[in-house]
Amino acid sequence: MRAVVVGAGMAGLLAARTLSDRYAPVTVLDRDSLPTGEVPRRGVPQGAQPHVLLVSGLFELAAVFPGIEDELTAAGALRFDAGTGLCVFRYGRRWPREPTGLDLISASRPQLEAVVRRRVAALPAARAAIDLQRGNAEPALEDLRPALDYEAAGEFAPQYLRGLAYLKLKRGAEAAAEFQKIIDHRGQYAASPLYPLAHLGAARAAVLSGDTDTARRRYEDFLKMWKDADAGLPALQEARKEYASLK
């Protein structure tokens, strides 16, 4: 199921990163034409001002983008100890400089956004979703290869996208195997919207394999799960048409 994030600033990019564990694809919308480099944009008027990434912010950012500190410094950001790299003047006097062991990172806002934007776009599931939208199923499978080691933590997104890629390639048995991984492990993410969609994918995989009985059963499972869904949803409309064609 698709997720849409409005706004490609830091909050939007981090929301997209978090949603990518559960939804595929994740689309980020912004009124600006986003730059490819580290240049200011109209939607972030304060972007030209100096920025410092504080300790807790850096900690949280590194938790979802491991190694981003090195990537920022490689892009030109400055890393410094908060106690020795800042001149602090408070209460009428300058505070002494003492090392704290706590590092801050000074980077421009365009620089920070550019690095995080690249990270979001480079997520295996994100790359695969982009390739699938462009009709490039084989590259999508390659995109997902690194996810094999941790797909159990991906909340079904890698398996689902891999199944979609196999469907596009008309490889029914392999598509069915990916969707079955989701169906067999619902307890891992009981509320995942990809669970019912896996039944729809499995139905289409069965059609490709010529297994009409299995296809009919999977369509019925999906339609039962989505019986209260908005009748205008494209996936539901397509499923009803495909199911009717089997009768």
C-alpha atoms as a PDB file:
ATOM      1  CA  MET A   1       0.000   0.000   0.000  1.00  0.00           C
ATOM      2  CA  ARG A   2       1.232   3.477  -0.883  1.00  0.00           C
ATOM      3  CA  ALA A   3       2.081   6.176   1.645  1.00  0.00           C
ATOM      4  CA  VAL A   4       2.281   9.847   0.701  1.00  0.00           C
ATOM      5  CA  VAL A   5       4.297  12.428   2.638  1.00  0.00           C
ATOM      6  CA  VAL A   6       3.609  16.114   2.002  1.00  0.00           C
ATOM      7  CA  GLY A   7       6.785  18.135   2.362  1.00  0.00           C
ATOM      8  CA  ALA A   8      10.357  17.155   1.542  1.00  0.00           C
ATOM      9  CA  GLY A   9      12.013  18.998   4.406  1.00  0.00           C
ATOM     10  CA  MET A  10      13.744  17.202   7.243  1.00  0.00           C
ATOM     11  CA  ALA A  11      10.491  16.155   8.923  1.00  0.00           C
ATOM     12  CA  GLY A  12       9.093  14.816   5.662  1.00  0.00           C
ATOM     13  CA  LEU A  13      12.265  12.938   4.756  1.00  0.00           C
ATOM     14  CA  LEU A  14      12.474  11.289   8.166  1.00  0.00           C
ATOM     15  CA  ALA A  15       8.774  10.415   7.999  1.00  0.00           C
ATOM     16  CA  ALA A  16       9.407   8.805   4.602  1.00  0.00           C
ATOM     17  CA  ARG A  17      12.300   6.817   6.040  1.00  0.00           C
ATOM     18  CA  THR A  18      10.121   5.504   8.869  1.00  0.00           C
ATOM     19  CA  LEU A  19       7.169   4.721   6.588  1.00  0.00           C
ATOM     20  CA  SER A  20       9.401   2.811   4.158  1.00  0.00           C
ATOM     21  CA  ASP A  21       9.542  -0.027   6.717  1.00  0.00           C
ATOM     22  CA  ARG A  22       5.802  -0.578   6.378  1.00  0.00           C
ATOM     23  CA  TYR A  23       4.604   0.925   3.084  1.00  0.00           C
ATOM     24  CA  ALA A  24       5.683   0.609  -0.527  1.00  0.00           C
ATOM     25  CA  PRO A  25       6.041   2.829  -2.347  1.00  0.00           C
ATOM     26  CA  VAL A  26       6.437   5.964  -0.259  1.00  0.00           C
ATOM     27  CA  THR A  27       5.934   9.131  -2.299  1.00  0.00           C
ATOM     28  CA  VAL A  28       7.257  12.484  -1.055  1.00  0.00           C
ATOM     29  CA  LEU A  29       5.590  15.596  -2.472  1.00  0.00           C
ATOM     30  CA  ASP A  30       6.887  19.143  -2.268  1.00  0.00           C
ATOM     31  CA  ARG A  31       5.877  22.370  -3.960  1.00  0.00           C
ATOM     32  CA  ASP A  32       9.528  23.083  -4.800  1.00  0.00           C
ATOM     33  CA  SER A  33      11.417  21.471  -7.631  1.00  0.00           C
ATOM     34  CA  LEU A  34      13.966  19.741  -5.450  1.00  0.00           C
ATOM     35  CA  PRO A  35      17.596  20.469  -6.342  1.00  0.00           C
ATOM     36  CA  THR A  36      20.034  17.700  -7.133  1.00  0.00           C
ATOM     37  CA  GLY A  37      22.844  19.431  -5.254  1.00  0.00           C
ATOM     38  CA  GLU A  38      23.361  21.379  -2.038  1.00  0.00           C
ATOM     39  CA  VAL A  39      21.670  24.630  -2.982  1.00  0.00           C
ATOM     40  CA  PRO A  40      19.017  26.688  -1.140  1.00  0.00           C
ATOM     41  CA  ARG A  41      15.381  26.390  -2.197  1.00  0.00           C
ATOM     42  CA  ARG A  42      12.423  28.707  -1.883  1.00  0.00           C
ATOM     43  CA  GLY A  43      10.426  26.471   0.453  1.00  0.00           C
ATOM     44  CA  VAL A  44      13.112  26.686   3.148  1.00  0.00           C
ATOM     45  CA  PRO A  45      13.698  30.444   3.537  1.00  0.00           C
ATOM     46  CA  GLN A  46      15.950  29.946   6.577  1.00  0.00           C
ATOM     47  CA  GLY A  47      18.126  27.489   4.663  1.00  0.00           C
ATOM     48  CA  ALA A  48      20.919  29.976   4.027  1.00  0.00           C
ATOM     49  CA  GLN A  49      21.443  30.550   7.760  1.00  0.00           C
ATOM     50  CA  PRO A  50      24.150  28.629   9.676  1.00  0.00           C
ATOM     51  CA  HIS A  51      22.852  25.369  11.159  1.00  0.00           C
ATOM     52  CA  VAL A  52      24.173  23.110  13.893  1.00  0.00           C
ATOM     53  CA  LEU A  53      22.955  19.555  14.351  1.00  0.00           C
ATOM     54  CA  LEU A  54      22.765  19.079  18.117  1.00  0.00           C
ATOM     55  CA  VAL A  55      23.737  15.912  19.981  1.00  0.00           C
ATOM     56  CA  SER A  56      20.276  14.359  20.376  1.00  0.00           C
ATOM     57  CA  GLY A  57      19.328  15.220  16.807  1.00  0.00           C
ATOM     58  CA  LEU A  58      22.505  13.648  15.488  1.00  0.00           C
ATOM     59  CA  PHE A  59      21.890  10.567  17.631  1.00  0.00           C
ATOM     60  CA  GLU A  60      18.360  10.093  16.285  1.00  0.00           C
ATOM     61  CA  LEU A  61      19.451  10.742  12.697  1.00  0.00           C
ATOM     62  CA  ALA A  62      22.261   8.191  12.952  1.00  0.00           C
ATOM     63  CA  ALA A  63      19.817   5.624  14.356  1.00  0.00           C
ATOM     64  CA  VAL A  64      17.840   5.561  11.101  1.00  0.00           C
ATOM     65  CA  PHE A  65      20.739   6.402   8.771  1.00  0.00           C
ATOM     66  CA  PRO A  66      23.815   4.624  10.164  1.00  0.00           C
ATOM     67  CA  GLY A  67      27.077   6.295   9.211  1.00  0.00           C
ATOM     68  CA  ILE A  68      25.457   9.579   8.230  1.00  0.00           C
ATOM     69  CA  GLU A  69      27.912  11.534  10.399  1.00  0.00           C
ATOM     70  CA  ASP A  70      30.784  10.464   8.139  1.00  0.00           C
ATOM     71  CA  GLU A  71      28.739  11.199   5.041  1.00  0.00           C
ATOM     72  CA  LEU A  72      27.983  14.720   6.281  1.00  0.00           C
ATOM     73  CA  THR A  73      31.605  15.469   7.109  1.00  0.00           C
ATOM     74  CA  ALA A  74      32.681  14.066   3.742  1.00  0.00           C
ATOM     75  CA  ALA A  75      30.242  16.511   2.142  1.00  0.00           C
ATOM     76  CA  GLY A  76      31.934  19.407   3.957  1.00  0.00           C
ATOM     77  CA  ALA A  77      30.183  19.617   7.313  1.00  0.00           C
ATOM     78  CA  LEU A  78      32.295  20.428  10.386  1.00  0.00           C
ATOM     79  CA  ARG A  79      32.327  18.140  13.424  1.00  0.00           C
ATOM     80  CA  PHE A  80      33.478  19.668  16.698  1.00  0.00           C
ATOM     81  CA  ASP A  81      33.333  19.243  20.458  1.00  0.00           C
ATOM     82  CA  ALA A  82      30.612  21.400  21.978  1.00  0.00           C
ATOM     83  CA  GLY A  83      32.890  22.532  24.798  1.00  0.00           C
ATOM     84  CA  THR A  84      35.912  23.575  22.750  1.00  0.00           C
ATOM     85  CA  GLY A  85      34.463  24.438  19.350  1.00  0.00           C
ATOM     86  CA  LEU A  86      31.974  27.039  20.513  1.00  0.00           C
ATOM     87  CA  CYS A  87      32.551  30.425  22.086  1.00  0.00           C
ATOM     88  CA  VAL A  88      29.857  30.800  24.759  1.00  0.00           C
ATOM     89  CA  PHE A  89      29.198  34.204  26.340  1.00  0.00           C
ATOM     90  CA  ARG A  90      26.616  34.166  29.137  1.00  0.00           C
ATOM     91  CA  TYR A  91      25.873  36.190  32.270  1.00  0.00           C
ATOM     92  CA  GLY A  92      28.311  38.878  31.311  1.00  0.00           C
ATOM     93  CA  ARG A  93      31.329  36.637  30.854  1.00  0.00           C
ATOM     94  CA  ARG A  94      32.866  34.209  28.454  1.00  0.00           C
ATOM     95  CA  TRP A  95      32.664  30.635  29.620  1.00  0.00           C
ATOM     96  CA  PRO A  96      35.889  28.613  29.739  1.00  0.00           C
ATOM     97  CA  ARG A  97      36.478  26.106  26.979  1.00  0.00           C
ATOM     98  CA  GLU A  98      36.452  22.550  28.273  1.00  0.00           C
ATOM     99  CA  PRO A  99      36.065  19.340  26.273  1.00  0.00           C
ATOM    100  CA  THR A 100      32.717  17.618  26.802  1.00  0.00           C
ATOM    101  CA  GLY A 101      33.071  14.529  24.663  1.00  0.00           C
ATOM    102  CA  LEU A 102      29.846  15.540  22.906  1.00  0.00           C
ATOM    103  CA  ASP A 103      30.208  16.239  19.198  1.00  0.00           C
ATOM    104  CA  LEU A 104      28.063  18.632  17.195  1.00  0.00           C
ATOM    105  CA  ILE A 105      27.951  18.912  13.418  1.00  0.00           C
ATOM    106  CA  SER A 106      27.746  22.241  11.658  1.00  0.00           C
ATOM    107  CA  ALA A 107      26.255  22.008   8.161  1.00  0.00           C
ATOM    108  CA  SER A 108      24.179  24.211   5.933  1.00  0.00           C
ATOM    109  CA  ARG A 109      20.499  23.287   5.713  1.00  0.00           C
ATOM    110  CA  PRO A 110      20.774  22.524   1.950  1.00  0.00           C
ATOM    111  CA  GLN A 111      23.771  20.299   2.686  1.00  0.00           C
ATOM    112  CA  LEU A 112      21.928  18.398   5.420  1.00  0.00           C
ATOM    113  CA  GLU A 113      18.788  17.969   3.309  1.00  0.00           C
ATOM    114  CA  ALA A 114      20.795  16.806   0.285  1.00  0.00           C
ATOM    115  CA  VAL A 115      22.564  14.069   2.242  1.00  0.00           C
ATOM    116  CA  VAL A 116      19.359  12.839   3.900  1.00  0.00           C
ATOM    117  CA  ARG A 117      17.466  13.038   0.601  1.00  0.00           C
ATOM    118  CA  ARG A 118      20.085  10.819  -1.041  1.00  0.00           C
ATOM    119  CA  ARG A 119      19.807   8.353   1.827  1.00  0.00           C
ATOM    120  CA  VAL A 120      16.021   8.143   1.529  1.00  0.00           C
ATOM    121  CA  ALA A 121      16.186   7.641  -2.229  1.00  0.00           C
ATOM    122  CA  ALA A 122      18.852   4.964  -1.790  1.00  0.00           C
ATOM    123  CA  LEU A 123      16.851   2.720   0.539  1.00  0.00           C
ATOM    124  CA  PRO A 124      16.508  -0.712  -1.111  1.00  0.00           C
ATOM    125  CA  ALA A 125      12.725  -0.650  -0.925  1.00  0.00           C
ATOM    126  CA  ALA A 126      12.636   2.940  -2.163  1.00  0.00           C
ATOM    127  CA  ARG A 127      14.874   2.183  -5.131  1.00  0.00           C
ATOM    128  CA  ALA A 128      12.877  -0.937  -5.955  1.00  0.00           C
ATOM    129  CA  ALA A 129       9.573   0.949  -5.787  1.00  0.00           C
ATOM    130  CA  ILE A 130      10.933   3.612  -8.127  1.00  0.00           C
ATOM    131  CA  ASP A 131      12.119   0.991 -10.611  1.00  0.00           C
ATOM    132  CA  LEU A 132       8.772  -0.820 -10.474  1.00  0.00           C
ATOM    133  CA  GLN A 133       6.930   2.440 -11.161  1.00  0.00           C
ATOM    134  CA  ARG A 134       9.136   2.832 -14.229  1.00  0.00           C
ATOM    135  CA  GLY A 135       8.420  -0.729 -15.340  1.00  0.00           C
ATOM    136  CA  ASN A 136      11.943  -1.953 -14.585  1.00  0.00           C
ATOM    137  CA  ALA A 137      11.344  -5.244 -12.788  1.00  0.00           C
ATOM    138  CA  GLU A 138      14.826  -6.780 -13.132  1.00  0.00           C
ATOM    139  CA  PRO A 139      16.591  -3.722 -11.637  1.00  0.00           C
ATOM    140  CA  ALA A 140      14.006  -3.750  -8.840  1.00  0.00           C
ATOM    141  CA  LEU A 141      15.034  -7.290  -7.930  1.00  0.00           C
ATOM    142  CA  GLU A 142      18.672  -6.193  -7.857  1.00  0.00           C
ATOM    143  CA  ASP A 143      17.736  -3.242  -5.667  1.00  0.00           C
ATOM    144  CA  LEU A 144      16.196  -5.630  -3.159  1.00  0.00           C
ATOM    145  CA  ARG A 145      19.133  -8.025  -3.006  1.00  0.00           C
ATOM    146  CA  PRO A 146      20.761  -6.213  -0.016  1.00  0.00           C
ATOM    147  CA  ALA A 147      17.455  -6.503   1.869  1.00  0.00           C
ATOM    148  CA  LEU A 148      17.680 -10.301   2.006  1.00  0.00           C
ATOM    149  CA  ASP A 149      19.769 -10.098   5.166  1.00  0.00           C
ATOM    150  CA  TYR A 150      17.276  -8.018   7.137  1.00  0.00           C
ATOM    151  CA  GLU A 151      13.928  -8.351   5.392  1.00  0.00           C
ATOM    152  CA  ALA A 152      12.398  -9.867   8.534  1.00  0.00           C
ATOM    153  CA  ALA A 153      12.609  -6.356   9.992  1.00  0.00           C
ATOM    154  CA  GLY A 154      11.222  -4.711   6.863  1.00  0.00           C
ATOM    155  CA  GLU A 155       7.551  -5.276   7.772  1.00  0.00           C
ATOM    156  CA  PHE A 156       6.918  -7.244   4.552  1.00  0.00           C
ATOM    157  CA  ALA A 157       7.936  -4.449   2.151  1.00  0.00           C
ATOM    158  CA  PRO A 158      10.896  -6.320   0.531  1.00  0.00           C
ATOM    159  CA  GLN A 159       8.869  -9.517   0.042  1.00  0.00           C
ATOM    160  CA  TYR A 160       5.907  -7.614  -1.355  1.00  0.00           C
ATOM    161  CA  LEU A 161       7.972  -5.580  -3.804  1.00  0.00           C
ATOM    162  CA  ARG A 162       9.872  -8.683  -4.881  1.00  0.00           C
ATOM    163  CA  GLY A 163       6.552 -10.396  -5.526  1.00  0.00           C
ATOM    164  CA  LEU A 164       5.375  -7.468  -7.653  1.00  0.00           C
ATOM    165  CA  ALA A 165       8.591  -7.602  -9.654  1.00  0.00           C
ATOM    166  CA  TYR A 166       8.130 -11.307 -10.370  1.00  0.00           C
ATOM    167  CA  LEU A 167       4.537 -10.632 -11.443  1.00  0.00           C
ATOM    168  CA  LYS A 168       5.765  -8.065 -13.950  1.00  0.00           C
ATOM    169  CA  LEU A 169       8.239 -10.638 -15.251  1.00  0.00           C
ATOM    170  CA  LYS A 170       5.438 -13.236 -15.566  1.00  0.00           C
ATOM    171  CA  ARG A 171       7.241 -15.544 -13.132  1.00  0.00           C
ATOM    172  CA  GLY A 172       4.217 -16.814 -11.265  1.00  0.00           C
ATOM    173  CA  ALA A 173       5.797 -19.471  -9.049  1.00  0.00           C
ATOM    174  CA  GLU A 174       8.463 -17.092  -7.733  1.00  0.00           C
ATOM    175  CA  ALA A 175       5.899 -14.332  -7.172  1.00  0.00           C
ATOM    176  CA  ALA A 176       3.674 -16.766  -5.261  1.00  0.00           C
ATOM    177  CA  ALA A 177       6.594 -17.775  -3.030  1.00  0.00           C
ATOM    178  CA  GLU A 178       7.239 -14.138  -2.031  1.00  0.00           C
ATOM    179  CA  PHE A 179       3.593 -13.401  -1.272  1.00  0.00           C
ATOM    180  CA  GLN A 180       3.348 -16.667   0.671  1.00  0.00           C
ATOM    181  CA  LYS A 181       6.123 -15.465   2.992  1.00  0.00           C
ATOM    182  CA  ILE A 182       3.808 -12.642   4.043  1.00  0.00           C
ATOM    183  CA  ILE A 183       0.716 -14.828   4.309  1.00  0.00           C
ATOM    184  CA  ASP A 184       2.542 -17.388   6.456  1.00  0.00           C
ATOM    185  CA  HIS A 185       3.960 -14.812   8.877  1.00  0.00           C
ATOM    186  CA  ARG A 186       1.087 -12.474   9.581  1.00  0.00           C
ATOM    187  CA  GLY A 187       1.852 -12.593  13.293  1.00  0.00           C
ATOM    188  CA  GLN A 188       5.079 -10.648  12.747  1.00  0.00           C
ATOM    189  CA  TYR A 189       3.141  -7.537  11.682  1.00  0.00           C
ATOM    190  CA  ALA A 190      -0.517  -8.307  12.271  1.00  0.00           C
ATOM    191  CA  ALA A 191      -1.759  -4.864  11.231  1.00  0.00           C
ATOM    192  CA  SER A 192       0.306  -4.614   8.054  1.00  0.00           C
ATOM    193  CA  PRO A 193      -1.732  -3.396   5.067  1.00  0.00           C
ATOM    194  CA  LEU A 194       0.491  -5.587   2.908  1.00  0.00           C
ATOM    195  CA  TYR A 195      -1.065  -8.749   4.354  1.00  0.00           C
ATOM    196  CA  PRO A 196      -4.356  -8.503   2.409  1.00  0.00           C
ATOM    197  CA  LEU A 197      -2.501  -7.202  -0.642  1.00  0.00           C
ATOM    198  CA  ALA A 198      -0.311 -10.305  -0.490  1.00  0.00           C
ATOM    199  CA  HIS A 199      -3.455 -12.384  -1.070  1.00  0.00           C
ATOM    200  CA  LEU A 200      -4.219 -10.305  -4.139  1.00  0.00           C
ATOM    201  CA  GLY A 201      -0.650 -10.775  -5.355  1.00  0.00           C
ATOM    202  CA  ALA A 202      -0.875 -14.508  -4.711  1.00  0.00           C
ATOM    203  CA  ALA A 203      -4.101 -14.666  -6.707  1.00  0.00           C
ATOM    204  CA  ARG A 204      -2.451 -13.001  -9.680  1.00  0.00           C
ATOM    205  CA  ALA A 205       0.559 -15.302  -9.354  1.00  0.00           C
ATOM    206  CA  ALA A 206      -1.757 -18.318  -9.419  1.00  0.00           C
ATOM    207  CA  VAL A 207      -3.400 -16.992 -12.593  1.00  0.00           C
ATOM    208  CA  LEU A 208       0.022 -16.768 -14.226  1.00  0.00           C
ATOM    209  CA  SER A 209       0.715 -20.370 -13.209  1.00  0.00           C
ATOM    210  CA  GLY A 210      -2.643 -21.559 -14.533  1.00  0.00           C
ATOM    211  CA  ASP A 211      -3.913 -22.578 -11.076  1.00  0.00           C
ATOM    212  CA  THR A 212      -7.481 -21.286 -11.282  1.00  0.00           C
ATOM    213  CA  ASP A 213      -8.688 -22.888  -8.053  1.00  0.00           C
ATOM    214  CA  THR A 214      -5.951 -21.270  -5.974  1.00  0.00           C
ATOM    215  CA  ALA A 215      -6.443 -17.962  -7.758  1.00  0.00           C
ATOM    216  CA  ARG A 216     -10.178 -18.005  -7.020  1.00  0.00           C
ATOM    217  CA  ARG A 217      -9.552 -18.794  -3.342  1.00  0.00           C
ATOM    218  CA  ARG A 218      -6.984 -16.018  -2.962  1.00  0.00           C
ATOM    219  CA  TYR A 219      -9.240 -13.463  -4.654  1.00  0.00           C
ATOM    220  CA  GLU A 220     -12.059 -14.447  -2.313  1.00  0.00           C
ATOM    221  CA  ASP A 221      -9.765 -14.063   0.706  1.00  0.00           C
ATOM    222  CA  PHE A 222      -8.704 -10.608  -0.440  1.00  0.00           C
ATOM    223  CA  LEU A 223     -12.241  -9.444  -1.215  1.00  0.00           C
ATOM    224  CA  LYS A 224     -13.436 -10.671   2.185  1.00  0.00           C
ATOM    225  CA  MET A 225     -10.675  -8.735   3.967  1.00  0.00           C
ATOM    226  CA  TRP A 226     -11.492  -5.599   2.000  1.00  0.00           C
ATOM    227  CA  LYS A 227     -15.289  -5.954   2.099  1.00  0.00           C
ATOM    228  CA  ASP A 228     -15.609  -2.658   4.011  1.00  0.00           C
ATOM    229  CA  ALA A 229     -12.991  -0.794   1.992  1.00  0.00           C
ATOM    230  CA  ASP A 230     -13.751   2.234  -0.173  1.00  0.00           C
ATOM    231  CA  ALA A 231     -15.363   0.833  -3.323  1.00  0.00           C
ATOM    232  CA  GLY A 232     -13.427   3.336  -5.412  1.00  0.00           C
ATOM    233  CA  LEU A 233      -9.993   1.973  -4.500  1.00  0.00           C
ATOM    234  CA  PRO A 234      -8.235   0.946  -7.736  1.00  0.00           C
ATOM    235  CA  ALA A 235      -6.837  -2.282  -6.232  1.00  0.00           C
ATOM    236  CA  LEU A 236     -10.325  -3.347  -5.122  1.00  0.00           C
ATOM    237  CA  GLN A 237     -11.905  -2.524  -8.476  1.00  0.00           C
ATOM    238  CA  GLU A 238      -9.196  -4.417 -10.354  1.00  0.00           C
ATOM    239  CA  ALA A 239      -9.500  -7.421  -8.019  1.00  0.00           C
ATOM    240  CA  ARG A 240     -13.265  -7.627  -8.570  1.00  0.00           C
ATOM    241  CA  LYS A 241     -12.862  -7.526 -12.344  1.00  0.00           C
ATOM    242  CA  GLU A 242     -10.108 -10.146 -12.294  1.00  0.00           C
ATOM    243  CA  TYR A 243     -12.131 -12.395  -9.982  1.00  0.00           C
ATOM    244  CA  ALA A 244     -15.215 -12.091 -12.180  1.00  0.00           C
ATOM    245  CA  SER A 245     -13.193 -13.142 -15.203  1.00  0.00           C
ATOM    246  CA  LEU A 246     -12.393 -16.462 -13.501  1.00  0.00           C
ATOM    247  CA  LYS A 247     -16.042 -17.491 -13.097  1.00  0.00           C
END
